């Protein structure tokens, strides 16, 4: 399963008022783990940035004068996200801006929704935590995701934080990066062979009734959060 967590920064709030994207950050997940692959680009918006927007992300017009235009990175961006499940916090905002940029390039570029299935983590968080704050900072605090380095918004930083939040919010899988924890097959084989020769018979510990019920409740919670896509409860029923 391939997913891409995406975030943007912009010159303002309304693309219909000719506001533009100035930064895009994407983080790739495969089978609910970060792969280390990212897409990131600052963009020249060819217009001024509103002061209120600069207060949020810290970028000003002069910072972006030598950066590429959206049309110069559009092909690479679409190739990176194509066919993935796109995960965005407050998706209508980012999707609206990207679709507006694509429309400026011509109708043949289509829409993001033509390329990806979009998951809005803000809508998901509101369904899980009604009546509570569900900003990215609030979710980081709720799910114990370290955001101490986030003094200002940044597209790639926020995409990385959102990846951790999304994984915690949808079942607790950590964002273990494959690039940081990959061991060669040969090394694994050698290591495991040595352990097998040294250890005796494995001790089997059977769960008690309370532990089994806690396990079942955890699976039911994952099933609810994932919209009925958790296979383990049905596998358990089929094998029982």
Protein backbone atom coordinates (compact mmCIF):
# COMPACT_ATOMS: atom_id res chain seq x y z
CA UNK A 1 0.00 0.00 0.00
CA UNK A 2 1.52 3.32 -1.09
CA UNK A 3 0.52 6.55 0.59
CA UNK A 4 1.86 10.09 0.25
CA UNK A 5 1.50 12.68 3.01
CA UNK A 6 1.34 16.17 1.47
CA UNK A 7 1.41 19.74 2.74
CA UNK A 8 1.65 23.16 1.08
CA UNK A 9 2.41 26.74 2.09
CA UNK A 10 0.83 29.62 0.17
CA UNK A 11 0.88 33.39 -0.32
CA UNK A 12 -2.59 33.70 1.21
CA UNK A 13 -5.87 31.89 1.73
CA UNK A 14 -7.81 32.15 -1.54
CA UNK A 15 -6.59 30.85 -4.91
CA UNK A 16 -9.52 32.67 -6.53
CA UNK A 17 -7.80 35.90 -5.43
CA UNK A 18 -4.68 34.78 -7.33
CA UNK A 19 -2.89 33.47 -4.26
CA UNK A 20 -0.29 30.86 -5.12
CA UNK A 21 1.59 27.90 -3.68
CA UNK A 22 5.09 28.75 -2.47
CA UNK A 23 6.17 25.40 -0.96
CA UNK A 24 5.17 21.76 -1.40
CA UNK A 25 6.37 18.89 0.78
CA UNK A 26 5.54 15.18 0.37
CA UNK A 27 6.56 12.12 2.39
CA UNK A 28 6.11 8.59 1.03
CA UNK A 29 4.73 5.72 3.10
CA UNK A 30 4.69 2.08 2.02
CA UNK A 31 2.81 -0.42 4.13
CA UNK A 32 2.47 2.26 6.83
CA UNK A 33 6.18 2.96 7.10
CA UNK A 34 8.21 5.94 5.91
CA UNK A 35 10.46 4.92 3.03
CA UNK A 36 12.77 7.94 3.15
CA UNK A 37 11.53 9.16 -0.26
CA UNK A 38 10.31 12.74 -0.29
CA UNK A 39 9.36 15.47 -2.72
CA UNK A 40 10.08 19.05 -1.70
CA UNK A 41 10.23 22.34 -3.56
CA UNK A 42 9.98 26.05 -2.84
CA UNK A 43 8.21 27.97 -5.62
CA UNK A 44 8.32 31.48 -7.03
CA UNK A 45 4.68 32.65 -6.83
CA UNK A 46 5.23 35.64 -9.17
CA UNK A 47 3.36 37.84 -6.69
CA UNK A 48 3.76 39.28 -3.20
CA UNK A 49 3.14 37.21 -0.07
CA UNK A 50 0.64 38.56 2.45
CA UNK A 51 2.12 39.61 5.79
CA UNK A 52 -0.22 37.28 7.64
CA UNK A 53 1.01 34.33 5.61
CA UNK A 54 4.65 35.26 6.25
CA UNK A 55 3.87 35.27 9.98
CA UNK A 56 2.79 31.63 9.64
CA UNK A 57 5.59 30.15 7.51
CA UNK A 58 8.34 32.80 7.70
CA UNK A 59 8.79 33.09 3.93
CA UNK A 60 8.81 36.45 2.15
CA UNK A 61 8.72 37.35 -1.52
CA UNK A 62 12.47 37.99 -1.78
CA UNK A 63 13.25 34.50 -0.44
CA UNK A 64 11.58 32.92 -3.47
CA UNK A 65 12.77 35.09 -6.33
CA UNK A 66 15.21 32.44 -7.64
CA UNK A 67 12.95 29.43 -7.06
CA UNK A 68 11.24 27.46 -9.87
CA UNK A 69 7.70 28.18 -11.04
CA UNK A 70 4.94 25.66 -10.35
CA UNK A 71 4.83 24.63 -14.01
CA UNK A 72 8.50 23.67 -13.81
CA UNK A 73 7.92 21.12 -11.02
CA UNK A 74 4.36 20.01 -11.87
CA UNK A 75 5.37 16.91 -13.83
CA UNK A 76 7.74 15.70 -11.10
CA UNK A 77 5.11 16.35 -8.41
CA UNK A 78 2.39 14.42 -10.23
CA UNK A 79 4.74 11.53 -10.94
CA UNK A 80 5.55 11.35 -7.22
CA UNK A 81 1.94 11.26 -6.03
CA UNK A 82 0.25 9.43 -8.93
CA UNK A 83 -1.69 6.34 -7.88
CA UNK A 84 -1.10 6.88 -4.18
CA UNK A 85 -3.50 7.42 -1.32
CA UNK A 86 -2.94 11.11 -0.59
CA UNK A 87 -3.05 12.12 3.09
CA UNK A 88 -3.59 15.84 3.79
CA UNK A 89 -4.63 17.83 6.87
CA UNK A 90 -7.53 20.08 5.82
CA UNK A 91 -7.43 18.56 2.35
CA UNK A 92 -9.89 20.98 0.65
CA UNK A 93 -7.38 23.81 1.20
CA UNK A 94 -4.31 22.10 -0.32
CA UNK A 95 -6.25 20.26 -3.03
CA UNK A 96 -8.00 23.50 -3.99
CA UNK A 97 -4.68 25.29 -4.41
CA UNK A 98 -3.04 22.49 -6.39
CA UNK A 99 -6.05 22.13 -8.67
CA UNK A 100 -6.05 25.89 -9.24
CA UNK A 101 -2.37 25.75 -10.22
CA UNK A 102 -3.08 22.82 -12.57
CA UNK A 103 -5.95 24.71 -14.22
CA UNK A 104 -3.55 27.51 -15.09
CA UNK A 105 -1.44 24.98 -17.01
CA UNK A 106 -4.38 23.74 -19.11
CA UNK A 107 -7.31 21.31 -18.92
CA UNK A 108 -5.13 18.38 -19.97
CA UNK A 109 -3.49 18.45 -16.51
CA UNK A 110 -6.75 17.40 -14.82
CA UNK A 111 -7.30 17.41 -11.07
CA UNK A 112 -5.56 15.82 -8.11
CA UNK A 113 -8.64 13.66 -7.52
CA UNK A 114 -8.11 12.12 -10.97
CA UNK A 115 -4.68 10.90 -9.87
CA UNK A 116 -5.15 9.92 -6.21
CA UNK A 117 -7.62 9.02 -3.53
CA UNK A 118 -7.56 11.83 -0.94
CA UNK A 119 -7.86 11.32 2.83
CA UNK A 120 -8.55 14.42 4.94
CA UNK A 121 -6.95 13.88 8.36
CA UNK A 122 -8.76 16.94 9.76
CA UNK A 123 -12.13 15.34 9.00
CA UNK A 124 -10.85 12.05 10.44
CA UNK A 125 -9.62 13.76 13.61
CA UNK A 126 -12.94 15.58 14.06
CA UNK A 127 -14.81 12.28 13.83
CA UNK A 128 -12.49 10.71 16.42
CA UNK A 129 -12.26 13.74 18.74
CA UNK A 130 -15.47 15.79 18.35
CA UNK A 131 -15.49 19.14 20.10
CA UNK A 132 -11.72 19.15 20.63
CA UNK A 133 -8.91 21.07 18.98
CA UNK A 134 -7.69 19.14 15.95
CA UNK A 135 -4.95 21.34 14.54
CA UNK A 136 -1.69 19.59 13.69
CA UNK A 137 -0.09 20.94 16.87
CA UNK A 138 -3.03 19.71 18.97
CA UNK A 139 -2.84 16.26 17.38
CA UNK A 140 0.92 16.10 17.93
CA UNK A 141 0.31 16.75 21.63
CA UNK A 142 -2.55 14.22 21.80
CA UNK A 143 -0.58 11.44 20.10
CA UNK A 144 2.81 12.24 21.69
CA UNK A 145 4.44 13.22 18.38
CA UNK A 146 7.47 15.44 19.01
CA UNK A 147 6.96 18.81 17.28
CA UNK A 148 9.37 20.84 19.39
CA UNK A 149 11.26 21.90 16.25
CA UNK A 150 8.15 23.45 14.67
CA UNK A 151 8.45 27.16 15.41
CA UNK A 152 7.04 28.03 11.98
CA UNK A 153 5.00 26.06 9.47
CA UNK A 154 7.02 24.33 6.75
CA UNK A 155 5.59 22.01 4.11
CA UNK A 156 8.09 19.15 4.43
CA UNK A 157 8.33 19.40 8.23
CA UNK A 158 4.54 19.44 8.55
CA UNK A 159 4.19 16.48 6.17
CA UNK A 160 6.61 14.48 8.32
CA UNK A 161 4.73 15.37 11.50
CA UNK A 162 1.40 14.56 9.87
CA UNK A 163 2.74 11.16 8.77
CA UNK A 164 3.50 10.30 12.41
CA UNK A 165 0.13 11.65 13.58
CA UNK A 166 -1.77 9.74 10.90
CA UNK A 167 -0.05 6.45 11.73
CA UNK A 168 -0.75 6.92 15.44
CA UNK A 169 -4.34 8.00 14.80
CA UNK A 170 -5.12 5.00 12.58
CA UNK A 171 -3.68 2.19 14.61
CA UNK A 172 -0.49 3.11 16.41
CA UNK A 173 2.11 1.96 13.85
CA UNK A 174 5.28 3.97 14.32
CA UNK A 175 6.87 5.80 11.40
CA UNK A 176 9.86 3.45 11.32
CA UNK A 177 12.00 4.65 8.44
CA UNK A 178 13.20 1.83 6.22
CA UNK A 179 16.25 3.76 5.16
CA UNK A 180 17.37 4.12 8.77
CA UNK A 181 16.72 0.53 9.86
CA UNK A 182 17.44 -1.64 6.81
CA UNK A 183 19.76 -4.58 7.39
CA UNK A 184 21.08 -6.57 4.45
CA UNK A 185 19.54 -9.98 3.85
CA UNK A 186 22.93 -11.61 4.25
CA UNK A 187 23.51 -9.93 7.60
CA UNK A 188 20.06 -10.94 8.80
CA UNK A 189 20.62 -14.54 7.75
CA UNK A 190 23.96 -14.71 9.54
CA UNK A 191 22.58 -13.09 12.68
CA UNK A 192 19.49 -15.29 12.84
CA UNK A 193 21.47 -18.46 12.15
CA UNK A 194 23.77 -17.71 15.07
CA UNK A 195 20.86 -17.06 17.41
CA UNK A 196 19.14 -20.29 16.34
CA UNK A 197 22.21 -22.32 17.18
CA UNK A 198 22.62 -20.73 20.62
CA UNK A 199 19.09 -20.64 21.96
CA UNK A 200 17.07 -23.51 23.39
CA UNK A 201 13.38 -24.29 22.79
CA UNK A 202 11.17 -21.23 22.80
CA UNK A 203 8.91 -20.79 25.80
CA UNK A 204 5.25 -20.29 24.91
CA UNK A 205 3.15 -18.07 27.16
CA UNK A 206 -0.61 -18.33 26.69
CA UNK A 207 -2.69 -15.15 27.20
CA UNK A 208 -5.30 -15.14 29.94
CA UNK A 209 -8.95 -14.21 29.37
CA UNK A 210 -8.46 -10.54 30.25
CA UNK A 211 -5.51 -10.21 27.85
CA UNK A 212 -7.49 -11.88 25.06
CA UNK A 213 -10.40 -9.50 25.57
CA UNK A 214 -8.05 -6.48 25.60
CA UNK A 215 -6.58 -7.73 22.33
CA UNK A 216 -10.04 -8.11 20.78
CA UNK A 217 -11.04 -4.63 21.93
CA UNK A 218 -7.89 -3.20 20.35
CA UNK A 219 -8.74 -4.90 17.05
CA UNK A 220 -12.30 -3.56 17.22
CA UNK A 221 -10.96 -0.02 17.76
CA UNK A 222 -8.58 -0.35 14.78
CA UNK A 223 -11.47 -1.67 12.69
CA UNK A 224 -13.65 1.33 13.60
CA UNK A 225 -10.89 3.87 12.91
CA UNK A 226 -9.99 2.28 9.56
CA UNK A 227 -13.58 2.25 8.37
CA UNK A 228 -13.93 -1.52 8.51
CA UNK A 229 -10.69 -2.28 6.65
CA UNK A 230 -8.96 -4.15 9.47
CA UNK A 231 -8.63 -7.82 8.43
CA UNK A 232 -7.55 -9.34 11.74
CA UNK A 233 -10.99 -9.59 13.38
CA UNK A 234 -12.39 -11.43 10.35
CA UNK A 235 -9.32 -13.71 10.14
CA UNK A 236 -9.85 -14.59 13.79
CA UNK A 237 -13.49 -15.46 13.23
CA UNK A 238 -12.64 -17.59 10.20
CA UNK A 239 -9.98 -19.58 12.07
CA UNK A 240 -12.09 -20.03 15.19
